[in-house]
C-alpha atoms as a PDB file:
ATOM      1  CA  MET A   1      -0.007   0.025   0.004  1.00  0.00           C
ATOM      2  CA  SER A   2       1.434   3.398  -0.937  1.00  0.00           C
ATOM      3  CA  ASP A   3       1.887   6.318   1.394  1.00  0.00           C
ATOM      4  CA  SER A   4      -0.855   8.282  -0.406  1.00  0.00           C
ATOM      5  CA  THR A   5      -3.299   5.342   0.111  1.00  0.00           C
ATOM      6  CA  ILE A   6      -2.512   5.104   3.816  1.00  0.00           C
ATOM      7  CA  VAL A   7      -2.787   8.843   4.329  1.00  0.00           C
ATOM      8  CA  GLY A   8      -5.975   9.163   2.271  1.00  0.00           C
ATOM      9  CA  LYS A   9      -7.758   6.307   4.078  1.00  0.00           C
ATOM     10  CA  LYS A  10      -6.759   7.624   7.499  1.00  0.00           C
ATOM     11  CA  ILE A  11      -7.963  11.135   6.726  1.00  0.00           C
ATOM     12  CA  LYS A  12     -11.333   9.870   5.461  1.00  0.00           C
ATOM     13  CA  SER A  13     -11.735   7.486   8.358  1.00  0.00           C
ATOM     14  CA  ILE A  14     -10.976  10.132  10.958  1.00  0.00           C
ATOM     15  CA  ARG A  15     -13.184  12.710   9.177  1.00  0.00           C
ATOM     16  CA  GLU A  16     -16.115  10.306   9.030  1.00  0.00           C
ATOM     17  CA  SER A  17     -15.632   9.127  12.618  1.00  0.00           C
ATOM     18  CA  LYS A  18     -15.925  12.768  13.758  1.00  0.00           C
ATOM     19  CA  ASN A  19     -18.930  13.364  11.532  1.00  0.00           C
ATOM     20  CA  ILE A  20     -17.208  16.145   9.651  1.00  0.00           C
ATOM     21  CA  SER A  21     -18.491  16.586   6.101  1.00  0.00           C
ATOM     22  CA  LEU A  22     -16.247  17.291   3.084  1.00  0.00           C
ATOM     23  CA  ASP A  23     -17.804  20.775   2.919  1.00  0.00           C
ATOM     24  CA  GLU A  24     -17.059  21.480   6.571  1.00  0.00           C
ATOM     25  CA  LEU A  25     -13.474  20.221   6.296  1.00  0.00           C
ATOM     26  CA  SER A  26     -13.049  22.389   3.213  1.00  0.00           C
ATOM     27  CA  GLU A  27     -14.430  25.504   4.874  1.00  0.00           C
ATOM     28  CA  ARG A  28     -12.435  25.081   8.069  1.00  0.00           C
ATOM     29  CA  SER A  29      -9.121  24.131   6.377  1.00  0.00           C
ATOM     30  CA  GLY A  30      -9.219  26.515   3.465  1.00  0.00           C
ATOM     31  CA  LEU A  31      -8.797  23.661   0.984  1.00  0.00           C
ATOM     32  CA  THR A  32     -11.213  22.953  -1.827  1.00  0.00           C
ATOM     33  CA  THR A  33     -13.485  19.896  -1.653  1.00  0.00           C
ATOM     34  CA  ALA A  34     -11.747  18.725  -4.836  1.00  0.00           C
ATOM     35  CA  GLN A  35      -8.335  18.872  -3.073  1.00  0.00           C
ATOM     36  CA  ILE A  36      -9.675  16.926  -0.082  1.00  0.00           C
ATOM     37  CA  THR A  37     -11.397  14.360  -2.257  1.00  0.00           C
ATOM     38  CA  SER A  38      -8.162  13.850  -4.256  1.00  0.00           C
ATOM     39  CA  ILE A  39      -6.266  13.295  -0.998  1.00  0.00           C
ATOM     40  CA  GLU A  40      -8.888  10.907   0.437  1.00  0.00           C
ATOM     41  CA  GLU A  41      -9.081   8.935  -2.808  1.00  0.00           C
ATOM     42  CA  SER A  42      -5.289   8.551  -2.713  1.00  0.00           C
ATOM     43  CA  GLU A  43      -4.651  10.287  -5.989  1.00  0.00           C
ATOM     44  CA  ASN A  44      -1.627  12.006  -4.517  1.00  0.00           C
ATOM     45  CA  LEU A  45       0.087  12.785  -1.247  1.00  0.00           C
ATOM     46  CA  PRO A  46       0.040  16.500  -0.764  1.00  0.00           C
ATOM     47  CA  SER A  47       2.777  18.721   0.657  1.00  0.00           C
ATOM     48  CA  LEU A  48       2.967  19.185   4.417  1.00  0.00           C
ATOM     49  CA  ALA A  49       0.994  22.434   4.536  1.00  0.00           C
ATOM     50  CA  PRO A  50      -2.392  20.977   3.468  1.00  0.00           C
ATOM     51  CA  LEU A  51      -1.877  17.959   5.705  1.00  0.00           C
ATOM     52  CA  ILE A  52      -1.205  20.230   8.669  1.00  0.00           C
ATOM     53  CA  LYS A  53      -4.402  22.193   7.941  1.00  0.00           C
ATOM     54  CA  ILE A  54      -6.426  18.985   7.738  1.00  0.00           C
ATOM     55  CA  ALA A  55      -4.852  17.627  10.946  1.00  0.00           C
ATOM     56  CA  ARG A  56      -5.726  20.841  12.777  1.00  0.00           C
ATOM     57  CA  VAL A  57      -9.384  20.692  11.697  1.00  0.00           C
ATOM     58  CA  LEU A  58      -9.649  17.009  12.618  1.00  0.00           C
ATOM     59  CA  GLY A  59      -7.977  17.635  16.006  1.00  0.00           C
ATOM     60  CA  VAL A  60      -5.134  15.137  15.419  1.00  0.00           C
ATOM     61  CA  ARG A  61      -1.431  15.479  15.128  1.00  0.00           C
ATOM     62  CA  LEU A  62       0.240  15.325  11.698  1.00  0.00           C
ATOM     63  CA  GLY A  63       1.885  11.971  12.500  1.00  0.00           C
ATOM     64  CA  THR A  64      -1.510  10.341  12.827  1.00  0.00           C
ATOM     65  CA  PHE A  65      -1.695  10.258   9.066  1.00  0.00           C
ATOM     66  CA  LEU A  66       1.717   8.512   8.742  1.00  0.00           C
ATOM     67  CA  ASP A  67       1.508   6.071  11.642  1.00  0.00           C
ATOM     68  CA  ASP A  68       1.863   2.414  10.792  1.00  0.00           C
ATOM     69  CA  ASN A  69       0.854   1.228  14.286  1.00  0.00           C
ATOM     70  CA  ASP A  70       0.556   2.550  17.782  1.00  0.00           C
ATOM     71  CA  ALA A  71       3.654   1.804  19.836  1.00  0.00           C
ATOM     72  CA  LEU A  72       3.414   3.377  23.247  1.00  0.00           C
ATOM     73  CA  GLY A  73       7.023   2.910  24.337  1.00  0.00           C
ATOM     74  CA  PRO A  74      10.187   4.011  22.552  1.00  0.00           C
ATOM     75  CA  VAL A  75      10.600   3.430  18.851  1.00  0.00           C
ATOM     76  CA  VAL A  76      14.020   2.481  17.541  1.00  0.00           C
ATOM     77  CA  SER A  77      14.831   3.061  13.900  1.00  0.00           C
ATOM     78  CA  ARG A  78      17.760   0.996  12.634  1.00  0.00           C
ATOM     79  CA  LYS A  79      19.742   2.052   9.576  1.00  0.00           C
ATOM     80  CA  GLU A  80      19.662  -1.447   8.064  1.00  0.00           C
ATOM     81  CA  THR A  81      15.857  -1.395   8.075  1.00  0.00           C
ATOM     82  CA  LYS A  82      15.448   1.817   6.209  1.00  0.00           C
ATOM     83  CA  LYS A  83      11.881   2.026   4.780  1.00  0.00           C
ATOM     84  CA  GLU A  84      10.730   3.331   1.476  1.00  0.00           C
ATOM     85  CA  SER A  85      10.713   7.102   1.244  1.00  0.00           C
ATOM     86  CA  ILE A  86       7.662   9.330   1.566  1.00  0.00           C
ATOM     87  CA  SER A  87       7.109  12.141  -0.909  1.00  0.00           C
ATOM     88  CA  PHE A  88       5.239  15.311   0.032  1.00  0.00           C
ATOM     89  CA  SER A  89       5.261  16.714  -3.492  1.00  0.00           C
ATOM     90  CA  GLY A  90       1.557  16.627  -3.957  1.00  0.00           C
ATOM     91  CA  GLY A  91       2.233  15.735  -7.581  1.00  0.00           C
ATOM     92  CA  ALA A  92       3.393  19.259  -8.289  1.00  0.00           C
ATOM     93  CA  THR A  93       6.415  19.487 -10.509  1.00  0.00           C
ATOM     94  CA  ASN A  94       7.899  22.398  -8.578  1.00  0.00           C
ATOM     95  CA  ALA A  95       7.169  21.109  -5.067  1.00  0.00           C
ATOM     96  CA  ARG A  96       9.190  18.604  -3.046  1.00  0.00           C
ATOM     97  CA  THR A  97       9.985  16.137  -5.828  1.00  0.00           C
ATOM     98  CA  HIS A  98      13.707  16.719  -5.147  1.00  0.00           C
ATOM     99  CA  MET A  99      13.373  15.297  -1.558  1.00  0.00           C
ATOM    100  CA  GLU A 100      12.930  11.755  -0.244  1.00  0.00           C
ATOM    101  CA  TYR A 101      11.638  11.636   3.355  1.00  0.00           C
ATOM    102  CA  PHE A 102      12.400   8.669   5.633  1.00  0.00           C
ATOM    103  CA  SER A 103      10.324   8.766   8.815  1.00  0.00           C
ATOM    104  CA  LEU A 104      12.170   7.956  12.000  1.00  0.00           C
ATOM    105  CA  ALA A 105       9.108   7.600  14.223  1.00  0.00           C
ATOM    106  CA  GLY A 106       6.322   6.230  12.069  1.00  0.00           C
ATOM    107  CA  HIS A 107       5.402   3.632  14.673  1.00  0.00           C
ATOM    108  CA  LYS A 108       5.257   5.952  17.638  1.00  0.00           C
ATOM    109  CA  SER A 109       1.764   6.977  18.744  1.00  0.00           C
ATOM    110  CA  GLY A 110       1.065  10.286  20.477  1.00  0.00           C
ATOM    111  CA  ARG A 111       4.145  12.082  19.158  1.00  0.00           C
ATOM    112  CA  HIS A 112       4.140  15.802  18.639  1.00  0.00           C
ATOM    113  CA  ILE A 113       7.237  16.010  16.427  1.00  0.00           C
ATOM    114  CA  GLU A 114       8.042  14.346  13.132  1.00  0.00           C
ATOM    115  CA  PRO A 115      11.700  13.364  12.727  1.00  0.00           C
ATOM    116  CA  PHE A 116      12.912  12.555   9.223  1.00  0.00           C
ATOM    117  CA  VAL A 117      16.143  11.801   7.427  1.00  0.00           C
ATOM    118  CA  ILE A 118      15.757  13.477   4.056  1.00  0.00           C
ATOM    119  CA  ASP A 119      17.796  12.736   0.956  1.00  0.00           C
ATOM    120  CA  ILE A 120      17.913  15.882  -1.143  1.00  0.00           C
ATOM    121  CA  LEU A 121      18.402  14.850  -4.723  1.00  0.00           C
ATOM    122  CA  PRO A 122      20.535  16.773  -7.194  1.00  0.00           C
ATOM    123  CA  ASP A 123      18.522  19.476  -8.927  1.00  0.00           C
ATOM    124  CA  LYS A 124      20.217  21.657 -11.494  1.00  0.00           C
ATOM    125  CA  GLU A 125      17.169  23.777 -12.266  1.00  0.00           C
ATOM    126  CA  ASN A 126      16.691  25.356  -8.787  1.00  0.00           C
ATOM    127  CA  LYS A 127      13.041  26.152  -9.565  1.00  0.00           C
ATOM    128  CA  PHE A 128      11.049  25.953  -6.364  1.00  0.00           C
ATOM    129  CA  THR A 129       8.048  27.365  -4.588  1.00  0.00           C
ATOM    130  CA  LEU A 130       8.205  28.619  -1.047  1.00  0.00           C
ATOM    131  CA  SER A 131       5.708  27.140   1.403  1.00  0.00           C
ATOM    132  CA  ALA A 132       4.609  27.864   4.968  1.00  0.00           C
ATOM    133  CA  HIS A 133       2.739  25.973   7.637  1.00  0.00           C
ATOM    134  CA  GLU A 134       2.191  26.247  11.395  1.00  0.00           C
ATOM    135  CA  GLY A 135       4.917  25.006  13.639  1.00  0.00           C
ATOM    136  CA  GLU A 136       8.713  24.881  13.790  1.00  0.00           C
ATOM    137  CA  GLU A 137      11.488  23.017  12.023  1.00  0.00           C
ATOM    138  CA  PHE A 138      14.965  21.955  13.016  1.00  0.00           C
ATOM    139  CA  ILE A 139      17.439  20.901  10.280  1.00  0.00           C
ATOM    140  CA  TYR A 140      20.855  19.381  10.768  1.00  0.00           C
ATOM    141  CA  VAL A 141      23.067  18.760   7.712  1.00  0.00           C
ATOM    142  CA  LEU A 142      24.419  15.222   7.662  1.00  0.00           C
ATOM    143  CA  GLU A 143      26.111  15.307   4.189  1.00  0.00           C
ATOM    144  CA  GLY A 144      26.679  17.957   1.543  1.00  0.00           C
ATOM    145  CA  GLU A 145      25.477  21.546   1.620  1.00  0.00           C
ATOM    146  CA  VAL A 146      22.003  22.917   1.611  1.00  0.00           C
ATOM    147  CA  GLU A 147      20.370  26.295   1.107  1.00  0.00           C
ATOM    148  CA  ILE A 148      17.353  27.350   3.045  1.00  0.00           C
ATOM    149  CA  SER A 149      15.291  30.170   1.546  1.00  0.00           C
ATOM    150  CA  TYR A 150      13.508  31.712   4.520  1.00  0.00           C
ATOM    151  CA  GLY A 151      11.406  34.721   3.855  1.00  0.00           C
ATOM    152  CA  LYS A 152      13.695  37.151   2.014  1.00  0.00           C
ATOM    153  CA  ASP A 153      16.877  35.579   3.349  1.00  0.00           C
ATOM    154  CA  VAL A 154      18.964  32.599   2.162  1.00  0.00           C
ATOM    155  CA  TYR A 155      21.080  30.529   4.550  1.00  0.00           C
ATOM    156  CA  THR A 156      23.768  28.172   3.407  1.00  0.00           C
ATOM    157  CA  LEU A 157      24.543  25.220   5.705  1.00  0.00           C
ATOM    158  CA  ALA A 158      27.431  22.768   5.422  1.00  0.00           C
ATOM    159  CA  GLN A 159      27.828  19.344   7.015  1.00  0.00           C
ATOM    160  CA  GLY A 160      27.466  19.722  10.776  1.00  0.00           C
ATOM    161  CA  ASP A 161      25.538  23.010  10.582  1.00  0.00           C
ATOM    162  CA  SER A 162      21.962  23.356  11.807  1.00  0.00           C
ATOM    163  CA  ILE A 163      19.056  25.788  11.684  1.00  0.00           C
ATOM    164  CA  PHE A 164      15.923  26.152  13.721  1.00  0.00           C
ATOM    165  CA  TYR A 165      13.076  28.295  12.419  1.00  0.00           C
ATOM    166  CA  ASP A 166       9.353  29.105  12.613  1.00  0.00           C
ATOM    167  CA  SER A 167       7.760  27.349   9.638  1.00  0.00           C
ATOM    168  CA  ILE A 168       4.941  29.896   9.383  1.00  0.00           C
ATOM    169  CA  VAL A 169       7.465  32.012   7.402  1.00  0.00           C
ATOM    170  CA  GLU A 170       7.646  30.962   3.778  1.00  0.00           C
ATOM    171  CA  HIS A 171      10.631  28.684   3.235  1.00  0.00           C
ATOM    172  CA  HIS A 172      12.246  26.072   1.000  1.00  0.00           C
ATOM    173  CA  VAL A 173      15.095  23.613   1.520  1.00  0.00           C
ATOM    174  CA  HIS A 174      17.227  22.564  -1.392  1.00  0.00           C
ATOM    175  CA  ALA A 175      20.758  21.277  -2.138  1.00  0.00           C
ATOM    176  CA  LYS A 176      23.406  23.938  -2.847  1.00  0.00           C
ATOM    177  CA  ASP A 177      24.779  24.078  -6.417  1.00  0.00           C
ATOM    178  CA  GLY A 178      22.499  21.184  -7.524  1.00  0.00           C
ATOM    179  CA  LYS A 179      24.525  18.586  -5.597  1.00  0.00           C
ATOM    180  CA  ALA A 180      22.952  15.828  -3.440  1.00  0.00           C
ATOM    181  CA  ALA A 181      22.724  16.310   0.330  1.00  0.00           C
ATOM    182  CA  LYS A 182      21.281  14.556   3.381  1.00  0.00           C
ATOM    183  CA  ILE A 183      19.633  16.191   6.373  1.00  0.00           C
ATOM    184  CA  LEU A 184      18.027  15.309   9.653  1.00  0.00           C
ATOM    185  CA  ALA A 185      14.806  17.317   9.942  1.00  0.00           C
ATOM    186  CA  VAL A 186      12.480  17.524  12.850  1.00  0.00           C
ATOM    187  CA  VAL A 187       9.095  19.139  12.250  1.00  0.00           C
ATOM    188  CA  TYR A 188       6.807  20.276  15.016  1.00  0.00           C
ATOM    189  CA  ALA A 189       3.244  21.005  13.911  1.00  0.00           C
ATOM    190  CA  PRO A 190       0.795  22.000  16.674  1.00  0.00           C
ATOM    191  CA  PHE A 191      -2.764  20.777  16.486  1.00  0.00           C
END
């Protein structure tokens, strides 16, 4: 089962269990009913911003949509059991198609942060769209160099550097000079 299928089914199930109509979810989230239907029918996995809006309306944390099961104790992620990546591109050609997300806590229930190892693929075009969502992000560069466009500023980070920022400000993370990079990213999205 693909990530978009899992996320779509969970959103629809939670929405229906809370007796929230498509129209109500649309009105309260600011998304169109067509967007929500596309997500619920697993046509694509959207970017983080729409998922955070849906999570807020449904009164759940973002990780609820990505959970595989509900471990109450600690969750250990071993490098040799690396899962398939998750894409938050939403099918948009200028979105996050250059990034592969590997969840580090997909089995942990009740979490308030989303830790990921993200492989940033080489991208020579450097065409991207800034996005914003509620919460905070922490990024630590594991390999290579990355650029973070944050509002009107651009920050360049090398291996071992980190940045912590409010994600309500429009931002974009990409590899510097079109070369591959790897980061540890921790996203906090309040609900």
